[in-house]
Structures are given as C-alpha cells and as structure tokens.
Amino acid sequence: MSKLTLDKFYRYLNNESGERVCKDISKEACSHTPSNFFRILLTHTVTKLGDTLSNPKTVLTWLMSYVNAPVYLISLIVPIRESGAMIPQIAISNYIKRKPIRKWIWVLGSVLQFCAIASIGLVGLNFEGVAAGWLMVSCLVVFSLARSLSSVTSKDVIGKTIPKTRRGKLSGYTAAFSGGLVLISGLYITYKSNTDASVDFYTNLIFFASAMWLIGATIYAQIKEFPGEKLDESMTEEGIFSKFELLKTDKQFKNFVIARSLLLCSSLSAPFYVLLAQKYAGNESYLLGLLIIANGVASIVSSPFWGKQADKSSKNTMAAAIIIASLMGITIFFIVTFFENFRDTFWLYPVAFFILGIAHGGVRLGRKTYVVDMAKGNERTNYVAVSNTIIGFILLVTGGLSALVSLLSIEGVILGLSMFGILGAYRSYRLKDVE
C-alpha cells in the first residue's frame, strides 16, 4: 500500500481533515505516524487472535485434560499466565530504560512467546500425564516472562510513535478487528467441537496461535521508532523496591493504581459466568463456542466507540464501562438466586457474556489510554512496570480467594466483584483528566 493511500486511510479512521495531529510526539515521529499506526494495529490484532486460540480458560485447559494432566497442574495455568506477565516487569524496567530504541525488546518477547506456545503443542503431541502437565506449565512460565518484555515496552513505543487523541482509537480499532477474527474462530470451534474435537484439533489450534506471535514480531520490527529518553549509563541503577516510592510521591499515579485494582472485577468475573453457564445451561462444548462468539461480537461493536471516548476522557470511559459490568453482575446474581426457571434459559449466558465483553473492552481501553497519556519517557516505563507488578500480585490473591469462595457460591463471587466494581467507578471518576 502506498504512503499516500495509508495517509488517506489514517485520516479517514481518525476523522482528521486538517493538519495532522502530533500531540506529545516528536516531529520526526509525526511524519511516520500513519505507517506506524497500521503496523501496530496489525501486530496487536494478530497477537490478540493468538491469545484467544491459546486461552488457558478454554483451549489450554481442554488440551491438558486430553493428555490426562493432573487437575492441580491445570489449576495453575490461569494465575501463571495472567500474573506471571505482570510481576516481573518492575525488575526488568531498569534495563529497558537504558535503551533509546525499545521495539526490539518487544520483538524478542514476541519470538519467545511463539517458541513457548509452539512447545506446548509439541508437548501435547508427544507426552501424557504428569510429565505433560509439568512441561506445559514450564512452557507457560516462559511465555509469561516473555510476555512481560512485550507488555512493558508496548506502551512506550505507542507513546513515542502515536500522538495523544489517537491512542484510544488505535486500541479501539485493534480490539474491533481482532474481535472479528475471534468471531470467526468461535464459529469454527463451535462447528468442529461437534465433529472433530480431538487432541490433534487442539494442538493444531495451539500451533496456529503460536504463529501469530511470529507474524506479529515480523510486522513490529518494521515500526519506525526514533531514539527517546533513556537512563544514563553512569547513573546508579535504582533498586527494584525503590520504584514503589512512586505510590507515596505521585498522588495521581497512586489513585490510578487503586482505581485499576477495583476495575479487575470485569476480568475476574468472566470465568464465573462460564461456570454458571455450564451449571445451568448445559451443552458445554457448543455453549463454549457461543460464548467466544459473543465476546468477539462485543469487541467488534463496542471497541471503536470506547476508543473514541477514551481519547476524550479515559477516566470517564473506565467509570462508565465498569458500571455496566457491575450492573450486569448484580442482575445475574438476582436472576440465578431468585428466578430458578429463568436461570436455566440457554440464551441468558451468551447475552450476559456479550454485555460483560462490551464493558470489559471499555475498562481495558480506558485504563491503557490513561496510563500512556498520564506520563512521558522513562516515567511511563516506571508507571507501567509498577502498576502491572502490583496488579499481578492482586490478581494472584483475588483469584485465589475467588476460587475458594466459588466453592460455596459462584453467583456470590460475581456479586462481590460487582460491588468492588461500583467503588472502582467512583475512584475512576475522581481521577484527573489527562487528555
């Protein structure tokens, strides 16, 4: 595609008719904004598809079940994948801050993720039982560590290459396009689950998913990134725990971390919606495909809207989205608790999952845009590393407590998380605007 065509398409997607917006980036970077915009868009779209097809809550769990891995090992894969990518970030941030060009760290992380997920597929084909379980968990540990490299650098690269008031739209279009691919994947999985749900089918999904990170690395390597602020080599390296001083010295950042912690209900409650669907609606394999489809459609229809809203006010976007998620959770609690006939309705759970998907998309886009717009240079790296590390630990603790409480009442967990979400909406609304 020619540079002129890219420029026209970029202006169309961002509703830009006059002089190009270059807020918060250098003049050099501004001249390459359209091409960088679409390279990041394509990269994140294909890697999000890889995430879906290697989801520990669905495909990885079923693959480990096929190879007879112990249940206690299967229970480890969700917390390892979710928090393992966040907790190490503060430890590697000093190294990253010494690099004026950071896209290659993202590329390295993506290649390592390809190797780790592909290895899981190979383990599934060649091992069984305890050995297969431990090998898959080990591969997932490598995947999570590699993911932390990409995660901590991704927002830096966006902050250097994409101007303010365009970053939310980038995330929104990414979620919409990847949602379309997820929709197709859900339809395919729904169809194949009734005809050929064998170990080969799931390992092929894993191999295909792993290739997405290799494709993503190839595209990302072509981003035109210019040297930015870096940590002077002569400076004494900061201790890992010294970065937590930000929570004392930076009130705005502290308030963001508190709000983000309370927003976790939109992601933590999703597995419990699935459990309720399995418990009351039945037809597990077919219903799984419908839930994946609902999530894909939610991304397609809502992400561009959330992206535009995040560019106007990311903190209000977080607040509005989490209110939707909380109200949905409260509604589900009352339906399951007091309307026994209605709770067995088959379509209830895909619809609820669809609404939750819309809300979670807004939460993600809002908080990602907020942290990118809130800081500049190495300050952004510190913000991302510290906040993700804290959230990683909170995920482990909250996820473990939710799992224990779910033994008593699944719908009770959803209600409790929804209450935290309402508090999170209040804390998000009280944040300062950064746009």
Foldseek 3Di string as FASTA:
>chain_A
DDPVVLVVVLCVLLVNDDDDDAAQADPVLSVCQSLLLVLLLLLLLLLVLLCLLCPLLPLVLVLQVQQAEDPVLSVPLVLLQQLLLFQCLLVCLQVQQQDQDQLVLLLQLLLQLLVLLLVLLVLSVPHGYHVNSVSNSVSSSSNSPSNNSNQLCVLQQCSHRPHFLCLLLSLLSSLQSSLVVLLVVLVVQLVCVVPPPHSVVSSVSSNSSSVSSVVSSVSSVPNDGDGDRHDDPPDDGDDSCVLVCCCVVPVLLVLLLLLLLLLCLLVLLLSLLLVLLCVQQNPNSNLVSLLSNLLSVLSNPQSSVLSNVLSVFLLLLLLVLLLQLLVLLVVLLCCVPPPVVVSNDNVVSSVSSNSSSNSVSSNVSSSSSCLSLVDHRSVSSSSSSVSSSVSSVSCVVLSVVLVVVVVVPSSVSSNVSSVSSNVSSVSSVPRDGRD
